Protein backbone atom coordinates (compact mmCIF):
# COMPACT_ATOMS: atom_id res chain seq x y z
CA MET A 1 0.00 0.00 0.00
CA LYS A 2 2.81 2.40 0.95
CA LYS A 3 4.65 1.77 -2.35
CA CYS A 4 1.41 2.26 -4.32
CA PHE A 5 0.84 5.61 -2.58
CA SER A 6 4.42 6.71 -3.38
CA VAL A 7 4.00 5.90 -7.07
CA PHE A 8 0.68 7.78 -7.13
CA ALA A 9 2.33 10.80 -5.43
CA VAL A 10 5.13 10.83 -8.04
CA ILE A 11 2.59 10.67 -10.88
CA LEU A 12 0.67 13.61 -9.37
CA LEU A 13 3.86 15.66 -9.01
CA ILE A 14 4.81 14.97 -12.63
CA PHE A 15 1.31 15.81 -13.87
CA PHE A 16 1.04 19.08 -11.93
CA GLY A 17 4.62 20.04 -12.80
CA LYS A 18 3.86 19.59 -16.50
CA ALA A 19 0.57 21.49 -16.13
CA GLN A 20 2.42 24.40 -14.50
CA ASN A 21 5.14 24.26 -17.15
CA THR A 22 2.55 24.24 -19.97
CA PHE A 23 0.71 27.19 -18.43
CA ALA A 24 3.97 29.08 -17.87
CA LEU A 25 5.05 28.58 -21.49
CA LYS A 26 1.66 29.76 -22.75
CA LEU A 27 1.96 32.81 -20.50
CA SER A 28 5.45 33.46 -21.86
CA ASP A 29 4.15 33.18 -25.44
CA ALA A 30 1.30 35.57 -24.60
CA ALA A 31 3.78 38.13 -23.25
CA LEU A 32 6.02 37.75 -26.30
CA SER A 33 3.04 38.25 -28.63
CA LEU A 34 2.42 41.64 -26.99
CA THR A 35 5.76 42.92 -28.29
CA LYS A 36 4.29 42.90 -31.82
CA ASN A 37 1.85 45.68 -30.89
CA LYS A 38 2.89 49.32 -30.94
CA VAL A 39 2.16 50.74 -27.49
CA THR A 40 2.97 54.21 -26.19
CA TYR A 41 3.88 54.43 -22.52
CA ASP A 42 0.99 56.28 -20.90
CA PRO A 43 0.44 56.24 -17.11
CA ALA A 44 -2.79 58.27 -17.30
CA TYR A 45 -5.82 57.26 -15.25
CA PHE A 46 -8.46 55.75 -17.54
CA ILE A 47 -12.10 54.94 -16.80
CA ILE A 48 -12.38 51.36 -18.05
CA LYS A 49 -15.18 48.82 -18.04
CA TYR A 50 -15.33 46.19 -15.32
CA PRO A 51 -14.67 43.31 -15.52
CA ASN A 52 -12.29 42.69 -18.44
CA GLY A 53 -11.54 46.37 -18.86
CA ASP A 54 -8.38 47.60 -20.54
CA VAL A 55 -6.83 50.92 -21.36
CA PRO A 56 -6.71 51.78 -25.09
CA ALA A 57 -4.78 49.06 -26.93
CA ASP A 58 -2.11 51.50 -28.12
CA LYS A 59 -1.36 52.73 -24.59
CA GLY A 60 -0.06 51.17 -21.41
CA VAL A 61 2.51 50.85 -18.64
CA CYS A 62 4.54 47.99 -17.18
CA THR A 63 1.59 46.45 -15.33
CA ASP A 64 -0.47 46.36 -18.52
CA VAL A 65 2.03 43.89 -20.02
CA VAL A 66 1.36 41.42 -17.19
CA ILE A 67 -2.39 42.09 -17.20
CA ARG A 68 -2.66 41.61 -20.98
CA ALA A 69 -0.57 38.42 -20.97
CA TYR A 70 -2.80 36.84 -18.31
CA ARG A 71 -5.93 38.04 -20.08
CA LYS A 72 -4.84 36.15 -23.22
CA LEU A 73 -5.06 33.00 -21.06
CA GLY A 74 -8.52 33.91 -19.74
CA ILE A 75 -7.43 35.36 -16.38
CA ASP A 76 -8.74 38.83 -15.60
CA LEU A 77 -6.38 40.40 -13.05
CA GLN A 78 -8.59 43.50 -12.94
CA LYS A 79 -11.40 41.38 -11.50
CA GLU A 80 -9.16 39.16 -9.34
CA VAL A 81 -7.32 42.08 -7.71
CA HIS A 82 -10.48 44.16 -7.27
CA GLU A 83 -12.39 41.33 -5.60
CA ASP A 84 -9.53 40.64 -3.22
CA MET A 85 -9.08 44.33 -2.43
CA ALA A 86 -12.80 44.66 -1.72
CA LYS A 87 -12.52 41.86 0.86
CA ASN A 88 -9.06 42.70 2.21
CA PHE A 89 -8.52 46.42 1.59
CA SER A 90 -6.42 46.85 4.74
CA LYS A 91 -3.80 44.41 3.38
CA TYR A 92 -3.02 46.58 0.34
CA PRO A 93 -0.77 49.67 0.23
CA LYS A 94 -2.37 53.05 0.88
CA THR A 95 0.24 54.94 -1.15
CA TRP A 96 -2.38 56.68 -3.28
CA GLY A 97 -4.68 57.82 -0.46
CA LEU A 98 -7.62 55.68 -1.53
CA LYS A 99 -10.43 55.04 0.93
CA LYS A 100 -11.82 52.08 -1.04
CA PRO A 101 -10.85 49.90 -4.01
CA ASP A 102 -10.96 51.42 -7.51
CA PRO A 103 -11.49 48.84 -10.31
CA HIS A 104 -10.18 51.29 -12.91
CA ILE A 105 -6.62 51.50 -11.54
CA ASP A 106 -5.86 49.15 -8.62
CA HIS A 107 -4.68 46.24 -10.81
CA ARG A 108 -2.42 48.64 -12.72
CA ARG A 109 -0.27 49.41 -9.65
CA VAL A 110 2.84 47.31 -9.01
CA PRO A 111 2.59 47.26 -5.18
CA ASN A 112 -0.99 45.96 -5.40
CA LEU A 113 0.07 43.20 -7.80
CA GLN A 114 2.91 42.27 -5.44
CA VAL A 115 0.46 41.82 -2.56
CA PHE A 116 -1.90 39.82 -4.77
CA PHE A 117 0.78 37.53 -6.26
CA ALA A 118 2.39 36.92 -2.85
CA LYS A 119 -1.01 35.97 -1.42
CA TYR A 120 -2.36 33.78 -4.25
CA GLY A 121 0.74 32.74 -6.14
CA LYS A 122 4.13 31.45 -5.18
CA SER A 123 6.83 33.83 -3.93
CA LYS A 124 10.25 32.75 -5.16
CA SER A 125 13.85 33.65 -4.38
CA THR A 126 15.26 36.98 -5.57
CA GLU A 127 18.86 35.74 -5.45
CA PRO A 128 20.85 36.83 -8.52
CA LYS A 129 21.13 33.27 -9.88
CA PRO A 130 19.85 33.01 -13.47
CA GLY A 131 18.71 29.40 -13.06
CA LEU A 132 16.04 30.45 -10.55
CA TYR A 133 14.11 32.46 -13.15
CA VAL A 134 11.98 30.60 -15.68
CA PRO A 135 9.46 31.57 -18.35
CA GLY A 136 6.15 32.74 -16.91
CA ASP A 137 7.72 34.13 -13.74
CA ILE A 138 6.80 37.68 -12.74
CA ILE A 139 9.54 40.00 -11.51
CA THR A 140 9.22 43.33 -9.70
CA TRP A 141 11.97 45.90 -9.31
CA LEU A 142 12.63 49.25 -7.71
CA LEU A 143 14.01 51.68 -10.29
CA PRO A 144 16.06 54.80 -9.57
CA GLY A 145 13.84 57.48 -8.04
CA ASN A 146 11.92 54.80 -6.05
CA LEU A 147 9.76 53.90 -9.04
CA THR A 148 8.21 50.44 -8.99
CA HIS A 149 8.38 48.24 -12.08
CA ILE A 150 7.14 44.82 -13.20
CA GLY A 151 7.87 42.45 -16.08
CA MET A 152 7.60 38.83 -17.12
CA VAL A 153 10.31 36.25 -17.78
CA VAL A 154 9.90 34.79 -21.27
CA ASN A 155 11.15 31.78 -23.17
CA ARG A 156 13.99 33.56 -24.98
CA LYS A 157 17.58 33.61 -23.80
CA SER A 158 20.12 36.42 -23.55
CA ALA A 159 22.83 36.67 -26.23
CA ASP A 160 25.25 34.78 -23.97
CA GLY A 161 22.60 32.09 -23.27
CA ARG A 162 22.91 32.51 -19.50
CA ARG A 163 19.49 33.91 -18.57
CA TYR A 164 15.98 34.35 -19.87
CA LEU A 165 14.80 37.70 -21.21
CA ILE A 166 12.04 39.96 -19.87
CA VAL A 167 8.97 41.42 -21.58
CA HIS A 168 8.10 44.77 -19.99
CA ASN A 169 7.24 48.39 -20.72
CA ILE A 170 9.69 50.80 -19.18
CA GLY A 171 8.87 53.69 -21.50
CA LYS A 172 9.60 52.27 -24.94
CA GLY A 173 6.43 50.23 -25.30
CA GLN A 174 6.01 46.49 -24.83
CA VAL A 175 9.50 45.13 -25.55
CA VAL A 176 11.65 42.08 -24.86
CA GLU A 177 15.00 42.89 -23.21
CA ASP A 178 17.90 41.43 -21.27
CA CYS A 179 17.28 43.29 -18.01
CA LEU A 180 16.63 40.61 -15.36
CA PHE A 181 19.38 41.83 -13.02
CA LYS A 182 19.61 45.43 -14.25
CA PHE A 183 17.58 46.93 -11.37
CA LYS A 184 17.04 46.21 -7.68
CA MET A 185 14.71 43.22 -7.57
CA THR A 186 11.88 43.43 -5.02
CA GLY A 187 9.80 40.39 -5.90
CA HIS A 188 9.72 37.13 -7.87
CA TYR A 189 6.41 35.32 -8.30
CA GLN A 190 4.66 32.53 -10.11
CA TYR A 191 0.89 32.79 -10.45
CA GLN A 192 -1.56 30.37 -12.02
CA LYS A 193 -5.24 30.47 -11.21
């Protein structure tokens, strides 16, 4: 009986590992597909529909890359973050002086996504070891001037083949770049609903 249980446990681990890997690769592909669209960096506040709202397709910021990649896989982070903030508002940063959740902007703020991914996803090491970062992972950084930033690890390698690249929007639109360790890393997450 014990041996049978062990074999079953191994099969489950393999199955779920492959399911996660398949999801992560699809998420990576979704992020890479975004780089084909011309997007102007625009941090303006937009009134958007809820759920499944998005800023104009030709505009966006770093968070919109992550939001759009997940949306391509049927996951609406606008709805997920808003629902959690409505239930757990005190757990989210109050940096913007809000008194209640705002479904038009909350999911577009890096600190809110960090709280959400840490709570519902898997927090991973931020050690500067390239092997720890795999396609589909979400990375957050602190840029000069205390600006928060977010991007996604994708299934393309750097020119030297040592690390995966990042899809993000740091002002030049949705691009793929070798910038994993360029800034101070503040978070490393894996999220699959």
